[in-house]
N, C-alpha and C. Protein backbone atom coordinates (compact mmCIF):
# COMPACT_ATOMS: atom_id res chain seq x y z
N MET A 1 0.84 -1.20 0.00
CA MET A 1 0.00 0.00 0.00
C MET A 1 0.88 1.26 0.00
N PHE A 2 0.54 2.22 -0.81
CA PHE A 2 1.30 3.46 -0.86
C PHE A 2 0.92 4.36 0.31
N LYS A 3 1.93 4.86 1.01
CA LYS A 3 1.71 5.79 2.10
C LYS A 3 1.83 7.24 1.64
N ALA A 4 2.46 7.44 0.47
CA ALA A 4 2.66 8.79 -0.03
C ALA A 4 2.69 8.78 -1.55
N VAL A 5 2.26 9.89 -2.12
CA VAL A 5 2.36 10.10 -3.57
C VAL A 5 3.10 11.41 -3.80
N LEU A 6 4.16 11.33 -4.58
CA LEU A 6 4.92 12.51 -4.97
C LEU A 6 4.57 12.85 -6.42
N PHE A 7 4.45 14.13 -6.68
CA PHE A 7 4.08 14.58 -8.03
C PHE A 7 5.15 15.51 -8.60
N ASP A 8 5.43 15.34 -9.87
CA ASP A 8 6.04 16.42 -10.64
C ASP A 8 4.96 17.50 -10.75
N LEU A 9 5.37 18.73 -11.08
CA LEU A 9 4.41 19.83 -11.16
C LEU A 9 3.94 20.09 -12.60
N ASP A 10 4.85 20.54 -13.44
CA ASP A 10 4.50 20.96 -14.80
C ASP A 10 4.26 19.76 -15.71
N ASN A 11 3.13 19.79 -16.39
CA ASN A 11 2.68 18.72 -17.30
C ASN A 11 2.28 17.44 -16.56
N THR A 12 2.18 17.53 -15.24
CA THR A 12 1.65 16.42 -14.44
C THR A 12 0.43 16.89 -13.65
N LEU A 13 0.60 17.97 -12.91
CA LEU A 13 -0.53 18.60 -12.22
C LEU A 13 -1.10 19.75 -13.04
N LEU A 14 -0.21 20.50 -13.67
CA LEU A 14 -0.61 21.69 -14.44
C LEU A 14 -0.38 21.48 -15.93
N ASP A 15 -1.30 22.02 -16.73
CA ASP A 15 -1.18 21.92 -18.19
C ASP A 15 -0.18 22.99 -18.65
N PHE A 16 1.07 22.71 -18.41
CA PHE A 16 2.14 23.70 -18.60
C PHE A 16 2.44 23.93 -20.08
N LEU A 17 2.36 22.89 -20.89
CA LEU A 17 2.69 23.06 -22.31
C LEU A 17 1.68 23.97 -23.00
N THR A 18 0.39 23.79 -22.72
CA THR A 18 -0.61 24.69 -23.29
C THR A 18 -0.36 26.13 -22.84
N PHE A 19 -0.02 26.30 -21.59
CA PHE A 19 0.32 27.62 -21.05
C PHE A 19 1.47 28.25 -21.82
N LYS A 20 2.54 27.50 -22.06
CA LYS A 20 3.69 28.03 -22.77
C LYS A 20 3.36 28.35 -24.23
N LYS A 21 2.56 27.52 -24.86
CA LYS A 21 2.18 27.76 -26.25
C LYS A 21 1.34 29.03 -26.38
N GLU A 22 0.34 29.17 -25.51
CA GLU A 22 -0.57 30.31 -25.62
C GLU A 22 0.13 31.62 -25.26
N THR A 23 1.00 31.59 -24.25
CA THR A 23 1.71 32.81 -23.90
C THR A 23 2.71 33.18 -24.99
N ALA A 24 3.32 32.20 -25.62
CA ALA A 24 4.25 32.49 -26.72
C ALA A 24 3.52 33.09 -27.91
N LYS A 25 2.34 32.59 -28.21
CA LYS A 25 1.54 33.17 -29.30
C LYS A 25 1.22 34.64 -29.01
N ALA A 26 0.79 34.91 -27.79
CA ALA A 26 0.43 36.28 -27.41
C ALA A 26 1.64 37.21 -27.46
N ALA A 27 2.78 36.73 -26.97
CA ALA A 27 3.99 37.54 -26.97
C ALA A 27 4.46 37.82 -28.39
N ALA A 28 4.43 36.80 -29.24
CA ALA A 28 4.86 36.97 -30.63
C ALA A 28 3.98 38.01 -31.33
N LYS A 29 2.68 37.92 -31.13
CA LYS A 29 1.76 38.88 -31.74
C LYS A 29 2.05 40.30 -31.27
N ALA A 30 2.26 40.46 -29.98
CA ALA A 30 2.51 41.80 -29.41
C ALA A 30 3.82 42.38 -29.91
N MET A 31 4.85 41.55 -30.00
CA MET A 31 6.15 42.05 -30.44
C MET A 31 6.13 42.46 -31.90
N VAL A 32 5.47 41.68 -32.73
CA VAL A 32 5.37 42.04 -34.16
C VAL A 32 4.56 43.32 -34.32
N LYS A 33 3.51 43.45 -33.53
CA LYS A 33 2.69 44.66 -33.58
C LYS A 33 3.49 45.91 -33.25
N GLN A 34 4.45 45.77 -32.35
CA GLN A 34 5.25 46.92 -31.91
C GLN A 34 6.50 47.13 -32.77
N GLY A 35 6.66 46.34 -33.82
CA GLY A 35 7.74 46.63 -34.75
C GLY A 35 8.79 45.57 -34.95
N LEU A 36 8.67 44.41 -34.35
CA LEU A 36 9.63 43.35 -34.61
C LEU A 36 9.54 42.96 -36.09
N PRO A 37 10.63 43.05 -36.83
CA PRO A 37 10.56 42.88 -38.28
C PRO A 37 10.51 41.43 -38.73
N THR A 38 9.43 40.77 -38.41
CA THR A 38 9.25 39.38 -38.79
C THR A 38 7.76 39.05 -38.72
N THR A 39 7.42 37.80 -38.95
CA THR A 39 6.03 37.36 -38.85
C THR A 39 5.77 36.79 -37.45
N GLU A 40 4.49 36.70 -37.10
CA GLU A 40 4.13 36.12 -35.80
C GLU A 40 4.58 34.67 -35.71
N ILE A 41 4.46 33.93 -36.80
CA ILE A 41 4.86 32.52 -36.81
C ILE A 41 6.36 32.38 -36.55
N GLU A 42 7.14 33.23 -37.22
CA GLU A 42 8.59 33.15 -37.02
C GLU A 42 8.97 33.57 -35.61
N ALA A 43 8.34 34.60 -35.08
CA ALA A 43 8.63 35.05 -33.72
C ALA A 43 8.28 33.96 -32.71
N TYR A 44 7.16 33.29 -32.93
CA TYR A 44 6.75 32.17 -32.07
C TYR A 44 7.82 31.08 -32.09
N GLY A 45 8.29 30.76 -33.29
CA GLY A 45 9.32 29.73 -33.42
C GLY A 45 10.60 30.12 -32.71
N LYS A 46 10.97 31.39 -32.77
CA LYS A 46 12.19 31.85 -32.10
C LYS A 46 12.05 31.79 -30.59
N ILE A 47 10.86 32.05 -30.08
CA ILE A 47 10.64 31.93 -28.64
C ILE A 47 10.89 30.50 -28.18
N PHE A 48 10.35 29.54 -28.89
CA PHE A 48 10.55 28.14 -28.50
C PHE A 48 11.97 27.67 -28.78
N SER A 49 12.64 28.29 -29.74
CA SER A 49 14.04 27.97 -29.97
C SER A 49 14.88 28.37 -28.76
N VAL A 50 14.56 29.53 -28.17
CA VAL A 50 15.25 29.96 -26.95
C VAL A 50 14.95 29.00 -25.81
N TYR A 51 13.68 28.59 -25.67
CA TYR A 51 13.33 27.62 -24.64
C TYR A 51 14.14 26.34 -24.81
N ASP A 52 14.28 25.88 -26.05
CA ASP A 52 15.03 24.64 -26.31
C ASP A 52 16.50 24.78 -25.93
N GLN A 53 17.06 25.97 -26.20
CA GLN A 53 18.48 26.18 -25.95
C GLN A 53 18.79 26.53 -24.51
N LYS A 54 17.94 27.35 -23.90
CA LYS A 54 18.23 27.90 -22.57
C LYS A 54 17.42 27.26 -21.46
N GLY A 55 16.38 26.52 -21.81
CA GLY A 55 15.50 25.93 -20.81
C GLY A 55 14.17 26.66 -20.72
N ILE A 56 13.13 25.92 -20.38
CA ILE A 56 11.78 26.45 -20.37
C ILE A 56 11.58 27.52 -19.30
N GLU A 57 12.45 27.54 -18.27
CA GLU A 57 12.34 28.52 -17.18
C GLU A 57 13.20 29.76 -17.42
N TYR A 58 13.86 29.85 -18.55
CA TYR A 58 14.78 30.96 -18.82
C TYR A 58 14.04 32.30 -18.73
N GLN A 59 14.64 33.27 -18.04
CA GLN A 59 13.95 34.51 -17.71
C GLN A 59 14.20 35.66 -18.68
N LYS A 60 15.05 35.45 -19.70
CA LYS A 60 15.35 36.51 -20.66
C LYS A 60 15.00 36.09 -22.09
N THR A 61 13.94 35.32 -22.20
CA THR A 61 13.57 34.76 -23.50
C THR A 61 13.30 35.84 -24.54
N PHE A 62 12.50 36.83 -24.21
CA PHE A 62 12.12 37.83 -25.19
C PHE A 62 13.29 38.75 -25.54
N TYR A 63 14.17 38.99 -24.58
CA TYR A 63 15.40 39.72 -24.87
C TYR A 63 16.24 38.96 -25.90
N GLU A 64 16.35 37.64 -25.73
CA GLU A 64 17.14 36.83 -26.65
C GLU A 64 16.54 36.85 -28.06
N VAL A 65 15.22 36.90 -28.15
CA VAL A 65 14.56 36.96 -29.45
C VAL A 65 14.82 38.31 -30.11
N VAL A 66 14.60 39.38 -29.37
CA VAL A 66 14.70 40.73 -29.95
C VAL A 66 16.13 41.07 -30.36
N LYS A 67 17.10 40.65 -29.57
CA LYS A 67 18.48 41.06 -29.85
C LYS A 67 18.99 40.50 -31.18
N GLN A 68 18.35 39.46 -31.68
CA GLN A 68 18.77 38.88 -32.95
C GLN A 68 18.59 39.85 -34.12
N TYR A 69 17.76 40.89 -33.93
CA TYR A 69 17.43 41.79 -35.03
C TYR A 69 18.24 43.10 -35.01
N ASN A 70 19.10 43.27 -34.01
CA ASN A 70 19.99 44.43 -33.94
C ASN A 70 19.25 45.76 -34.13
N LEU A 71 18.19 45.94 -33.36
CA LEU A 71 17.35 47.12 -33.48
C LEU A 71 17.88 48.27 -32.63
N GLU A 72 17.43 49.47 -32.93
CA GLU A 72 17.73 50.63 -32.11
C GLU A 72 17.28 50.36 -30.68
N LEU A 73 18.04 50.85 -29.70
CA LEU A 73 17.86 50.46 -28.30
C LEU A 73 16.45 50.66 -27.78
N ASN A 74 15.86 51.83 -28.00
CA ASN A 74 14.52 52.11 -27.47
C ASN A 74 13.45 51.28 -28.17
N LEU A 75 13.62 51.07 -29.47
CA LEU A 75 12.67 50.21 -30.18
C LEU A 75 12.77 48.79 -29.66
N ALA A 76 13.98 48.31 -29.45
CA ALA A 76 14.17 46.95 -28.93
C ALA A 76 13.53 46.79 -27.56
N GLU A 77 13.69 47.82 -26.70
CA GLU A 77 13.11 47.75 -25.36
C GLU A 77 11.58 47.76 -25.43
N LYS A 78 11.02 48.59 -26.29
CA LYS A 78 9.56 48.64 -26.45
C LYS A 78 9.02 47.28 -26.87
N ILE A 79 9.67 46.65 -27.83
CA ILE A 79 9.22 45.35 -28.33
C ILE A 79 9.35 44.28 -27.26
N GLN A 80 10.47 44.29 -26.54
CA GLN A 80 10.67 43.30 -25.48
C GLN A 80 9.61 43.43 -24.40
N GLN A 81 9.35 44.65 -23.93
CA GLN A 81 8.37 44.85 -22.86
C GLN A 81 6.96 44.51 -23.33
N ALA A 82 6.67 44.75 -24.60
CA ALA A 82 5.36 44.36 -25.14
C ALA A 82 5.19 42.85 -25.06
N GLY A 83 6.25 42.12 -25.37
CA GLY A 83 6.20 40.66 -25.27
C GLY A 83 6.01 40.19 -23.85
N ILE A 84 6.75 40.79 -22.92
CA ILE A 84 6.64 40.42 -21.51
C ILE A 84 5.23 40.67 -20.98
N LEU A 85 4.67 41.83 -21.27
CA LEU A 85 3.33 42.17 -20.77
C LEU A 85 2.26 41.26 -21.37
N ALA A 86 2.38 40.95 -22.66
CA ALA A 86 1.42 40.05 -23.29
C ALA A 86 1.49 38.67 -22.66
N TYR A 87 2.71 38.21 -22.39
CA TYR A 87 2.92 36.93 -21.72
C TYR A 87 2.22 36.91 -20.36
N LEU A 88 2.43 37.95 -19.57
CA LEU A 88 1.86 38.00 -18.23
C LEU A 88 0.33 38.08 -18.26
N GLN A 89 -0.21 38.84 -19.19
CA GLN A 89 -1.67 38.98 -19.28
C GLN A 89 -2.33 37.65 -19.62
N ILE A 90 -1.74 36.89 -20.51
CA ILE A 90 -2.31 35.60 -20.91
C ILE A 90 -2.07 34.55 -19.83
N LYS A 91 -0.95 34.65 -19.14
CA LYS A 91 -0.57 33.68 -18.11
C LYS A 91 -1.69 33.44 -17.11
N PHE A 92 -2.31 34.51 -16.65
CA PHE A 92 -3.32 34.39 -15.60
C PHE A 92 -4.63 33.77 -16.11
N ASN A 93 -4.79 33.71 -17.42
CA ASN A 93 -6.01 33.14 -17.99
C ASN A 93 -5.87 31.68 -18.39
N VAL A 94 -4.66 31.25 -18.74
CA VAL A 94 -4.53 29.93 -19.36
C VAL A 94 -3.86 28.87 -18.49
N LEU A 95 -3.12 29.29 -17.46
CA LEU A 95 -2.47 28.29 -16.62
C LEU A 95 -3.48 27.66 -15.67
N LYS A 96 -3.73 26.37 -15.84
CA LYS A 96 -4.76 25.68 -15.06
C LYS A 96 -4.30 24.26 -14.73
N PRO A 97 -4.86 23.69 -13.66
CA PRO A 97 -4.63 22.26 -13.41
C PRO A 97 -5.32 21.44 -14.50
N TYR A 98 -4.85 20.23 -14.70
CA TYR A 98 -5.57 19.31 -15.57
C TYR A 98 -6.94 19.00 -14.96
N PRO A 99 -7.89 18.56 -15.78
CA PRO A 99 -9.22 18.21 -15.25
C PRO A 99 -9.13 17.18 -14.13
N MET A 100 -9.94 17.36 -13.12
CA MET A 100 -10.11 16.43 -12.01
C MET A 100 -8.92 16.38 -11.04
N VAL A 101 -7.98 17.32 -11.16
CA VAL A 101 -6.85 17.30 -10.24
C VAL A 101 -7.31 17.55 -8.79
N LYS A 102 -8.06 18.60 -8.57
CA LYS A 102 -8.46 18.94 -7.20
C LYS A 102 -9.30 17.86 -6.53
N PRO A 103 -10.38 17.38 -7.16
CA PRO A 103 -11.16 16.33 -6.49
C PRO A 103 -10.38 15.04 -6.29
N THR A 104 -9.48 14.72 -7.19
CA THR A 104 -8.66 13.51 -7.03
C THR A 104 -7.70 13.66 -5.86
N LEU A 105 -7.07 14.81 -5.74
CA LEU A 105 -6.19 15.06 -4.60
C LEU A 105 -6.96 14.98 -3.29
N ARG A 106 -8.18 15.51 -3.29
CA ARG A 106 -9.00 15.46 -2.08
C ARG A 106 -9.29 14.02 -1.67
N LYS A 107 -9.63 13.18 -2.63
CA LYS A 107 -9.91 11.77 -2.32
C LYS A 107 -8.68 11.05 -1.82
N LEU A 108 -7.53 11.38 -2.39
CA LEU A 108 -6.30 10.75 -1.92
C LEU A 108 -5.98 11.16 -0.49
N ARG A 109 -6.16 12.43 -0.17
CA ARG A 109 -5.92 12.88 1.20
C ARG A 109 -6.89 12.21 2.17
N GLU A 110 -8.14 12.10 1.76
CA GLU A 110 -9.14 11.47 2.63
C GLU A 110 -8.82 10.01 2.91
N SER A 111 -8.09 9.38 2.01
CA SER A 111 -7.70 7.98 2.21
C SER A 111 -6.45 7.84 3.07
N GLY A 112 -5.89 8.97 3.50
CA GLY A 112 -4.75 8.95 4.40
C GLY A 112 -3.39 8.98 3.72
N VAL A 113 -3.36 9.20 2.40
CA VAL A 113 -2.10 9.25 1.67
C VAL A 113 -1.49 10.64 1.77
N LYS A 114 -0.19 10.70 2.04
CA LYS A 114 0.52 11.98 2.04
C LYS A 114 0.77 12.42 0.60
N LEU A 115 0.66 13.71 0.35
CA LEU A 115 0.82 14.25 -1.00
C LEU A 115 1.88 15.35 -0.99
N SER A 116 2.84 15.25 -1.91
CA SER A 116 3.89 16.25 -1.99
C SER A 116 4.35 16.43 -3.44
N ILE A 117 5.16 17.44 -3.66
CA ILE A 117 5.64 17.78 -5.00
C ILE A 117 7.16 17.77 -5.03
N VAL A 118 7.72 17.24 -6.11
CA VAL A 118 9.15 17.37 -6.40
C VAL A 118 9.25 17.92 -7.81
N SER A 119 9.68 19.17 -7.93
CA SER A 119 9.67 19.87 -9.21
C SER A 119 11.06 20.42 -9.54
N ASP A 120 11.34 20.52 -10.84
CA ASP A 120 12.57 21.15 -11.30
C ASP A 120 12.42 22.67 -11.44
N ALA A 121 11.23 23.18 -11.19
CA ALA A 121 11.01 24.63 -11.28
C ALA A 121 11.73 25.35 -10.13
N PRO A 122 12.13 26.60 -10.32
CA PRO A 122 12.65 27.39 -9.19
C PRO A 122 11.56 27.57 -8.15
N ARG A 123 11.96 27.80 -6.91
CA ARG A 123 11.00 27.90 -5.81
C ARG A 123 9.95 28.99 -6.07
N ASN A 124 10.38 30.17 -6.50
CA ASN A 124 9.42 31.26 -6.68
C ASN A 124 8.41 30.94 -7.78
N LYS A 125 8.87 30.34 -8.88
CA LYS A 125 7.97 30.03 -9.99
C LYS A 125 7.00 28.91 -9.61
N ALA A 126 7.47 27.92 -8.88
CA ALA A 126 6.59 26.83 -8.46
C ALA A 126 5.46 27.36 -7.59
N TRP A 127 5.80 28.21 -6.63
CA TRP A 127 4.76 28.75 -5.74
C TRP A 127 3.83 29.71 -6.46
N GLN A 128 4.35 30.47 -7.40
CA GLN A 128 3.48 31.32 -8.21
C GLN A 128 2.43 30.48 -8.92
N ARG A 129 2.86 29.39 -9.53
CA ARG A 129 1.94 28.53 -10.29
C ARG A 129 0.94 27.84 -9.37
N LEU A 130 1.39 27.40 -8.23
CA LEU A 130 0.48 26.73 -7.30
C LEU A 130 -0.58 27.69 -6.78
N ILE A 131 -0.17 28.89 -6.42
CA ILE A 131 -1.14 29.89 -5.92
C ILE A 131 -2.09 30.30 -7.03
N LEU A 132 -1.56 30.54 -8.21
CA LEU A 132 -2.38 30.96 -9.35
C LEU A 132 -3.45 29.94 -9.69
N THR A 133 -3.13 28.67 -9.52
CA THR A 133 -4.07 27.59 -9.88
C THR A 133 -4.84 27.05 -8.69
N GLY A 134 -4.66 27.65 -7.51
CA GLY A 134 -5.42 27.24 -6.35
C GLY A 134 -4.99 25.93 -5.71
N LEU A 135 -3.75 25.53 -5.94
CA LEU A 135 -3.25 24.25 -5.40
C LEU A 135 -2.26 24.44 -4.26
N GLU A 136 -2.11 25.67 -3.77
CA GLU A 136 -1.03 25.97 -2.84
C GLU A 136 -1.17 25.28 -1.48
N ASN A 137 -2.37 24.85 -1.12
CA ASN A 137 -2.57 24.21 0.19
C ASN A 137 -2.90 22.72 0.09
N GLU A 138 -2.61 22.12 -1.04
CA GLU A 138 -2.99 20.73 -1.27
C GLU A 138 -1.91 19.73 -0.87
N PHE A 139 -0.70 20.20 -0.50
CA PHE A 139 0.42 19.29 -0.35
C PHE A 139 1.12 19.46 0.99
N ASP A 140 1.71 18.37 1.46
CA ASP A 140 2.44 18.40 2.73
C ASP A 140 3.71 19.23 2.62
N PHE A 141 4.38 19.14 1.50
CA PHE A 141 5.55 19.98 1.25
C PHE A 141 5.80 20.03 -0.25
N VAL A 142 6.63 21.01 -0.64
CA VAL A 142 6.98 21.22 -2.04
C VAL A 142 8.50 21.34 -2.13
N ILE A 143 9.12 20.46 -2.90
CA ILE A 143 10.56 20.52 -3.14
C ILE A 143 10.79 21.05 -4.55
N THR A 144 11.64 22.04 -4.68
CA THR A 144 11.93 22.64 -5.98
C THR A 144 13.43 22.55 -6.25
N HIS A 145 13.81 22.99 -7.44
CA HIS A 145 15.23 23.01 -7.79
C HIS A 145 16.03 23.86 -6.80
N SER A 146 15.40 24.88 -6.23
CA SER A 146 16.08 25.77 -5.30
C SER A 146 16.49 25.07 -4.01
N ASP A 147 15.88 23.95 -3.69
CA ASP A 147 16.18 23.24 -2.44
C ASP A 147 17.44 22.39 -2.53
N THR A 148 17.75 21.85 -3.69
CA THR A 148 18.91 20.97 -3.83
C THR A 148 19.91 21.46 -4.87
N MET A 149 19.46 22.38 -5.75
CA MET A 149 20.27 22.87 -6.87
C MET A 149 20.64 21.75 -7.84
N GLU A 150 19.85 20.70 -7.84
CA GLU A 150 20.04 19.58 -8.76
C GLU A 150 18.73 19.32 -9.50
N TYR A 151 18.85 18.94 -10.75
CA TYR A 151 17.68 18.59 -11.55
C TYR A 151 17.48 17.08 -11.55
N LYS A 152 16.23 16.66 -11.58
CA LYS A 152 15.93 15.25 -11.78
C LYS A 152 16.55 14.80 -13.11
N PRO A 153 17.11 13.60 -13.23
CA PRO A 153 16.98 12.46 -12.31
C PRO A 153 18.03 12.36 -11.19
N HIS A 154 18.77 13.43 -10.92
CA HIS A 154 19.71 13.38 -9.81
C HIS A 154 18.98 12.92 -8.55
N PRO A 155 19.59 12.08 -7.73
CA PRO A 155 18.88 11.53 -6.56
C PRO A 155 18.55 12.54 -5.48
N SER A 156 19.24 13.67 -5.44
CA SER A 156 19.06 14.60 -4.31
C SER A 156 17.62 15.03 -4.07
N PRO A 157 16.85 15.45 -5.10
CA PRO A 157 15.46 15.86 -4.82
C PRO A 157 14.62 14.70 -4.28
N PHE A 158 14.86 13.51 -4.78
CA PHE A 158 14.08 12.34 -4.36
C PHE A 158 14.44 11.91 -2.93
N THR A 159 15.73 11.92 -2.61
CA THR A 159 16.13 11.52 -1.26
C THR A 159 15.71 12.55 -0.22
N LEU A 160 15.69 13.82 -0.61
CA LEU A 160 15.18 14.85 0.31
C LEU A 160 13.70 14.61 0.59
N ALA A 161 12.95 14.24 -0.44
CA ALA A 161 11.52 13.95 -0.25
C ALA A 161 11.33 12.76 0.69
N LEU A 162 12.14 11.72 0.51
CA LEU A 162 12.03 10.55 1.38
C LEU A 162 12.36 10.90 2.83
N LYS A 163 13.34 11.77 3.01
CA LYS A 163 13.69 12.21 4.37
C LYS A 163 12.53 12.95 5.02
N LYS A 164 11.87 13.82 4.26
CA LYS A 164 10.74 14.56 4.79
C LYS A 164 9.54 13.66 5.08
N LEU A 165 9.34 12.65 4.23
CA LEU A 165 8.20 11.75 4.39
C LEU A 165 8.43 10.75 5.52
N ALA A 166 9.70 10.37 5.72
CA ALA A 166 10.06 9.36 6.74
C ALA A 166 9.35 8.03 6.49
N VAL A 167 9.31 7.62 5.22
CA VAL A 167 8.74 6.32 4.86
C VAL A 167 9.72 5.61 3.93
N LEU A 168 9.56 4.30 3.79
CA LEU A 168 10.43 3.52 2.91
C LEU A 168 10.13 3.86 1.45
N PRO A 169 11.12 3.81 0.58
CA PRO A 169 10.92 4.18 -0.83
C PRO A 169 9.83 3.40 -1.54
N ASP A 170 9.70 2.11 -1.24
CA ASP A 170 8.71 1.31 -1.97
C ASP A 170 7.28 1.58 -1.51
N ALA A 171 7.12 2.43 -0.49
CA ALA A 171 5.78 2.86 -0.06
C ALA A 171 5.40 4.20 -0.68
N VAL A 172 6.24 4.67 -1.61
CA VAL A 172 6.02 5.97 -2.25
C VAL A 172 5.81 5.76 -3.75
N LEU A 173 4.78 6.41 -4.29
CA LEU A 173 4.53 6.42 -5.73
C LEU A 173 4.89 7.79 -6.28
N PHE A 174 5.74 7.81 -7.31
CA PHE A 174 6.09 9.06 -7.96
C PHE A 174 5.35 9.16 -9.28
N VAL A 175 4.65 10.28 -9.48
CA VAL A 175 3.86 10.50 -10.70
C VAL A 175 4.50 11.63 -11.50
N GLY A 176 4.86 11.36 -12.76
CA GLY A 176 5.47 12.39 -13.58
C GLY A 176 5.29 12.11 -15.05
N ASP A 177 5.57 13.15 -15.87
CA ASP A 177 5.37 13.04 -17.31
C ASP A 177 6.64 12.75 -18.08
N ASN A 178 7.81 12.91 -17.44
CA ASN A 178 9.08 12.80 -18.14
C ASN A 178 9.80 11.51 -17.75
N PRO A 179 9.85 10.53 -18.66
CA PRO A 179 10.48 9.25 -18.31
C PRO A 179 11.94 9.38 -17.89
N SER A 180 12.71 10.20 -18.60
CA SER A 180 14.14 10.27 -18.33
C SER A 180 14.48 11.05 -17.07
N ARG A 181 13.58 11.89 -16.61
CA ARG A 181 13.82 12.63 -15.38
C ARG A 181 13.00 12.08 -14.22
N ASP A 182 11.67 12.06 -14.37
CA ASP A 182 10.79 11.66 -13.27
C ASP A 182 10.88 10.16 -12.99
N ILE A 183 10.63 9.37 -14.00
CA ILE A 183 10.56 7.92 -13.81
C ILE A 183 11.93 7.34 -13.49
N LYS A 184 12.93 7.70 -14.27
CA LYS A 184 14.28 7.20 -14.05
C LYS A 184 14.80 7.58 -12.66
N GLY A 185 14.62 8.85 -12.28
CA GLY A 185 15.13 9.31 -11.00
C GLY A 185 14.44 8.66 -9.82
N ALA A 186 13.12 8.52 -9.90
CA ALA A 186 12.38 7.91 -8.78
C ALA A 186 12.70 6.42 -8.65
N LYS A 187 12.79 5.73 -9.78
CA LYS A 187 13.12 4.30 -9.74
C LYS A 187 14.51 4.07 -9.13
N ALA A 188 15.43 4.97 -9.41
CA ALA A 188 16.80 4.80 -8.93
C ALA A 188 16.91 4.81 -7.41
N VAL A 189 15.98 5.49 -6.74
CA VAL A 189 16.02 5.52 -5.27
C VAL A 189 15.04 4.53 -4.66
N GLY A 190 14.39 3.71 -5.50
CA GLY A 190 13.53 2.65 -4.99
C GLY A 190 12.05 2.96 -4.92
N MET A 191 11.63 4.12 -5.43
CA MET A 191 10.21 4.44 -5.45
C MET A 191 9.50 3.68 -6.57
N ARG A 192 8.20 3.49 -6.40
CA ARG A 192 7.38 3.01 -7.50
C ARG A 192 7.01 4.21 -8.37
N THR A 193 6.71 3.95 -9.63
CA THR A 193 6.55 5.07 -10.56
C THR A 193 5.28 4.94 -11.40
N CYS A 194 4.77 6.11 -11.78
CA CYS A 194 3.56 6.18 -12.60
C CYS A 194 3.76 7.27 -13.65
N LEU A 195 3.63 6.90 -14.93
CA LEU A 195 3.81 7.84 -16.03
C LEU A 195 2.49 8.54 -16.34
N ALA A 196 2.51 9.87 -16.30
CA ALA A 196 1.33 10.68 -16.65
C ALA A 196 1.31 10.86 -18.16
N LYS A 197 0.70 9.93 -18.86
CA LYS A 197 0.76 9.94 -20.33
C LYS A 197 0.03 11.14 -20.93
N TYR A 198 -0.95 11.68 -20.24
CA TYR A 198 -1.71 12.82 -20.76
C TYR A 198 -0.83 14.06 -20.89
N GLY A 199 0.26 14.14 -20.14
CA GLY A 199 1.14 15.30 -20.21
C GLY A 199 2.49 15.00 -20.83
N GLN A 200 2.67 13.76 -21.28
CA GLN A 200 3.99 13.34 -21.76
C GLN A 200 4.36 14.02 -23.07
N THR A 201 5.52 14.65 -23.08
CA THR A 201 6.04 15.27 -24.30
C THR A 201 7.37 14.65 -24.71
N PHE A 202 7.97 13.86 -23.83
CA PHE A 202 9.25 13.21 -24.12
C PHE A 202 9.03 11.71 -24.25
N ARG A 203 9.59 11.11 -25.31
CA ARG A 203 9.46 9.68 -25.56
C ARG A 203 10.78 8.99 -25.25
N GLU A 204 10.84 8.36 -24.11
CA GLU A 204 12.06 7.67 -23.69
C GLU A 204 11.72 6.25 -23.30
N ASP A 205 12.68 5.36 -23.49
CA ASP A 205 12.47 3.96 -23.19
C ASP A 205 12.83 3.67 -21.72
N VAL A 206 12.08 4.30 -20.82
CA VAL A 206 12.23 4.06 -19.39
C VAL A 206 10.88 3.59 -18.89
N LYS A 207 10.80 2.37 -18.45
CA LYS A 207 9.52 1.74 -18.12
C LYS A 207 9.06 2.13 -16.71
N SER A 208 7.84 2.59 -16.61
CA SER A 208 7.24 2.89 -15.30
C SER A 208 6.44 1.68 -14.81
N ASP A 209 6.12 1.68 -13.52
CA ASP A 209 5.32 0.60 -12.95
C ASP A 209 3.86 0.71 -13.37
N TYR A 210 3.40 1.94 -13.51
CA TYR A 210 2.00 2.20 -13.89
C TYR A 210 1.97 3.32 -14.93
N GLU A 211 0.86 3.41 -15.64
CA GLU A 211 0.61 4.51 -16.57
C GLU A 211 -0.83 4.96 -16.40
N ILE A 212 -1.06 6.26 -16.52
CA ILE A 212 -2.42 6.78 -16.45
C ILE A 212 -2.69 7.68 -17.66
N GLU A 213 -3.88 7.57 -18.20
CA GLU A 213 -4.28 8.36 -19.37
C GLU A 213 -4.92 9.68 -18.97
N LYS A 214 -5.46 9.73 -17.75
CA LYS A 214 -6.02 10.97 -17.20
C LYS A 214 -5.77 10.98 -15.70
N PHE A 215 -5.79 12.16 -15.11
CA PHE A 215 -5.32 12.29 -13.73
C PHE A 215 -6.11 11.43 -12.76
N GLU A 216 -7.42 11.37 -12.93
CA GLU A 216 -8.24 10.64 -11.96
C GLU A 216 -7.99 9.13 -11.98
N ASP A 217 -7.32 8.64 -13.03
CA ASP A 217 -6.95 7.22 -13.07
C ASP A 217 -6.01 6.85 -11.94
N LEU A 218 -5.40 7.86 -11.35
CA LEU A 218 -4.49 7.61 -10.23
C LEU A 218 -5.20 6.92 -9.06
N LEU A 219 -6.49 7.17 -8.90
CA LEU A 219 -7.25 6.52 -7.83
C LEU A 219 -7.28 5.00 -8.02
N LYS A 220 -7.34 4.55 -9.25
CA LYS A 220 -7.31 3.11 -9.53
C LYS A 220 -5.95 2.54 -9.18
N VAL A 221 -4.90 3.26 -9.48
CA VAL A 221 -3.54 2.79 -9.14
C VAL A 221 -3.40 2.63 -7.64
N ILE A 222 -3.91 3.56 -6.88
CA ILE A 222 -3.83 3.46 -5.43
C ILE A 222 -4.64 2.28 -4.92
N ASP A 223 -5.81 2.07 -5.51
CA ASP A 223 -6.65 0.93 -5.12
C ASP A 223 -5.97 -0.39 -5.43
N TRP A 224 -5.30 -0.47 -6.57
CA TRP A 224 -4.62 -1.71 -6.97
C TRP A 224 -3.48 -2.07 -6.00
N SER A 225 -2.91 -1.06 -5.36
CA SER A 225 -1.77 -1.30 -4.48
C SER A 225 -2.19 -1.85 -3.12
N ARG A 226 -3.48 -1.86 -2.86
CA ARG A 226 -3.95 -2.28 -1.53
C ARG A 226 -4.23 -3.77 -1.49
């Protein structure tokens, strides 16, 4: 029987990819409107190119896009800030939990299972997203990249979680969308694993113990373990 369930945050609890796509579309449109000499499609592609090169959490994405065009300083700043503001305005409308996350978490808590998060997001960004989506009080603790300065699959975030839970690894289920980070890292420290296929964007040959097609399927996994 599982005594605890650990979750990845982005693309497991939150529909993070849709959020990034929609905010990038809005930013690209705003920057082109303010004078970026390209098309919205190309600007969108350049935003994701920066994400691919620098990481999805990179904080100077729009600066990196604009500087490629060698524009006059004030024009460049106007375009960059237009992108940032468009991103922020859309952010508050589109970042949401996946369907059935809240009621499923409630049922898990009612069954006596401890719930926590292990995320590669920085501490401030993780808490912003949790508060924005109304999930800030759903978990016993939240571990972020800021706590260990290591990214999954490094064992440090997982072993810190086990220390906080004070339970044996095989009594913990880790739920995540990334096989090479979430599943591989959790398995390495002895946790059982569950792949969130609904949020999966990476295709890796790392086998999980369970797979779920939608978040509420997690209740069946917990029942099967009893």
